[in-house]
């Protein structure tokens, strides 16, 4: 499955609702350069899931937890990791196999610990201020990443 969308920040809520219908997994890997809008999209996804909390980047805490309607979202930012084994220190495997939502920024930093199946969101900022989003599926068999 591949899906591409172009959107501006004003339409991000609609994009989040559309994505939630398209995900095949509860583990979502967010790829994109610094400042492209990964955290902003995660805020919209948490809102679409019924979260009534302030969503902030977990750059320093590594993981934030958000209560949403009938579930939990774990939001990770691995940008500052110096070594993938640091993710083990926070119990990454427990989070990934908890059955809850896992939104992971900078997943390339922990590639050895990613689950066998996940959804991939690649974000790109265009010159006109719009974003291009590509949704694809990662699984161990296809090695799409």
Protein backbone atom coordinates (compact mmCIF):
# COMPACT_ATOMS: atom_id res chain seq x y z
CA UNK A 1 0.00 0.00 0.00
CA UNK A 2 1.26 3.42 -0.95
CA UNK A 3 -0.63 6.66 -0.47
CA UNK A 4 0.58 10.18 -1.22
CA UNK A 5 -1.09 13.40 -0.09
CA UNK A 6 -0.25 17.07 -0.45
CA UNK A 7 -1.58 19.37 2.27
CA UNK A 8 -1.13 22.64 4.06
CA UNK A 9 -1.18 23.08 7.83
CA UNK A 10 -4.80 24.31 7.78
CA UNK A 11 -5.90 20.93 6.38
CA UNK A 12 -3.89 18.79 8.77
CA UNK A 13 -6.95 17.65 10.75
CA UNK A 14 -8.51 16.16 7.62
CA UNK A 15 -5.21 14.48 6.77
CA UNK A 16 -5.02 12.96 10.27
CA UNK A 17 -8.54 11.53 10.01
CA UNK A 18 -7.76 10.08 6.58
CA UNK A 19 -4.51 8.52 7.82
CA UNK A 20 -6.20 6.84 10.79
CA UNK A 21 -8.48 5.02 8.34
CA UNK A 22 -5.46 3.92 6.26
CA UNK A 23 -3.08 2.63 8.94
CA UNK A 24 -2.49 -1.12 9.03
CA UNK A 25 -0.62 -0.98 12.33
CA UNK A 26 -0.59 0.98 15.58
CA UNK A 27 3.13 1.65 15.19
CA UNK A 28 3.76 4.65 12.96
CA UNK A 29 7.28 5.63 11.88
CA UNK A 30 7.72 9.33 11.06
CA UNK A 31 10.53 10.22 8.66
CA UNK A 32 11.44 13.74 7.58
CA UNK A 33 13.90 16.51 8.16
CA UNK A 34 13.90 18.69 11.26
CA UNK A 35 11.06 21.22 11.11
CA UNK A 36 9.01 19.41 8.46
CA UNK A 37 6.00 19.04 10.78
CA UNK A 38 6.26 15.56 12.29
CA UNK A 39 5.20 16.71 15.77
CA UNK A 40 2.45 18.91 14.30
CA UNK A 41 1.04 15.89 12.46
CA UNK A 42 1.27 13.82 15.64
CA UNK A 43 -0.72 16.53 17.46
CA UNK A 44 -3.43 16.25 14.81
CA UNK A 45 -3.44 12.43 15.06
CA UNK A 46 -3.75 12.53 18.86
CA UNK A 47 -6.65 14.98 18.52
CA UNK A 48 -8.31 12.76 15.89
CA UNK A 49 -8.00 9.83 18.30
CA UNK A 50 -9.91 11.81 20.91
CA UNK A 51 -7.01 13.18 22.93
CA UNK A 52 -7.75 16.33 24.90
CA UNK A 53 -4.17 16.95 26.01
CA UNK A 54 -1.38 19.26 24.95
CA UNK A 55 0.97 17.39 22.64
CA UNK A 56 4.59 18.47 22.82
CA UNK A 57 7.81 17.10 21.39
CA UNK A 58 9.50 14.58 23.68
CA UNK A 59 12.95 15.68 22.51
CA UNK A 60 14.35 15.72 26.05
CA UNK A 61 12.09 13.20 27.76
CA UNK A 62 12.38 10.75 24.79
CA UNK A 63 8.76 9.57 25.27
CA UNK A 64 5.47 11.29 26.10
CA UNK A 65 2.27 9.46 26.95
CA UNK A 66 -1.14 10.77 25.90
CA UNK A 67 -4.51 9.37 26.90
CA UNK A 68 -6.94 9.22 23.99
CA UNK A 69 -10.43 7.79 23.72
CA UNK A 70 -10.19 4.11 24.72
CA UNK A 71 -6.41 3.92 24.25
CA UNK A 72 -2.96 5.40 24.89
CA UNK A 73 -0.49 7.02 22.50
CA UNK A 74 3.24 6.78 23.14
CA UNK A 75 5.10 9.53 21.29
CA UNK A 76 8.84 9.02 20.88
CA UNK A 77 11.54 11.37 19.64
CA UNK A 78 14.85 9.55 19.22
CA UNK A 79 16.74 12.45 17.65
CA UNK A 80 19.10 12.83 20.63
CA UNK A 81 19.99 9.14 21.01
CA UNK A 82 23.69 8.53 20.67
CA UNK A 83 23.29 4.75 20.55
CA UNK A 84 20.28 2.55 19.78
CA UNK A 85 20.78 0.62 22.99
CA UNK A 86 19.69 3.75 24.88
CA UNK A 87 16.19 2.87 23.69
CA UNK A 88 16.44 -0.36 25.68
CA UNK A 89 17.03 1.73 28.81
CA UNK A 90 13.57 3.26 28.47
CA UNK A 91 11.97 -0.12 27.78
CA UNK A 92 11.27 0.38 24.08
CA UNK A 93 10.27 -3.24 23.54
CA UNK A 94 7.58 -3.01 26.23
CA UNK A 95 6.12 0.06 24.51
CA UNK A 96 6.27 -1.41 21.00
CA UNK A 97 4.48 -4.61 21.97
CA UNK A 98 1.98 -3.03 24.38
CA UNK A 99 -0.88 -3.00 21.88
CA UNK A 100 -1.13 0.79 22.16
CA UNK A 101 -0.31 3.46 19.59
CA UNK A 102 3.40 4.18 19.05
CA UNK A 103 4.29 7.34 17.11
CA UNK A 104 8.04 7.34 16.51
CA UNK A 105 10.06 10.31 15.27
CA UNK A 106 13.58 9.50 14.03
CA UNK A 107 12.96 5.71 13.90
CA UNK A 108 16.16 5.19 11.94
CA UNK A 109 17.97 5.63 15.27
CA UNK A 110 16.38 2.40 16.60
CA UNK A 111 16.03 0.36 13.40
CA UNK A 112 17.27 -2.81 15.12
CA UNK A 113 14.32 -2.71 17.53
CA UNK A 114 11.47 -1.87 15.17
CA UNK A 115 8.60 -4.35 15.12
CA UNK A 116 8.04 -6.63 12.13
CA UNK A 117 5.16 -4.49 10.91
CA UNK A 118 4.60 -0.74 11.01
CA UNK A 119 3.29 2.12 8.90
CA UNK A 120 5.76 4.60 7.48
CA UNK A 121 5.01 8.29 7.05
CA UNK A 122 7.56 10.25 5.05
CA UNK A 123 7.08 14.01 5.22
CA UNK A 124 8.63 16.60 2.96
CA UNK A 125 8.24 20.38 3.06
CA UNK A 126 7.68 21.88 -0.38
CA UNK A 127 8.79 25.36 -1.47
CA UNK A 128 5.19 26.60 -1.49
CA UNK A 129 4.71 25.72 2.21
CA UNK A 130 2.65 22.63 1.49
CA UNK A 131 3.76 19.25 2.75
CA UNK A 132 3.98 16.02 0.79
CA UNK A 133 3.18 12.95 2.81
CA UNK A 134 3.82 9.43 1.63
CA UNK A 135 2.30 6.53 3.57
CA UNK A 136 3.69 3.05 3.05
CA UNK A 137 3.92 -0.19 4.98
CA UNK A 138 7.04 -1.64 6.53
CA UNK A 139 7.15 -5.33 7.19
CA UNK A 140 9.95 -7.78 7.70
CA UNK A 141 9.07 -9.70 4.52
CA UNK A 142 9.07 -6.75 2.13
CA UNK A 143 11.82 -4.75 3.89
CA UNK A 144 10.20 -1.50 2.76
CA UNK A 145 11.91 1.34 4.60
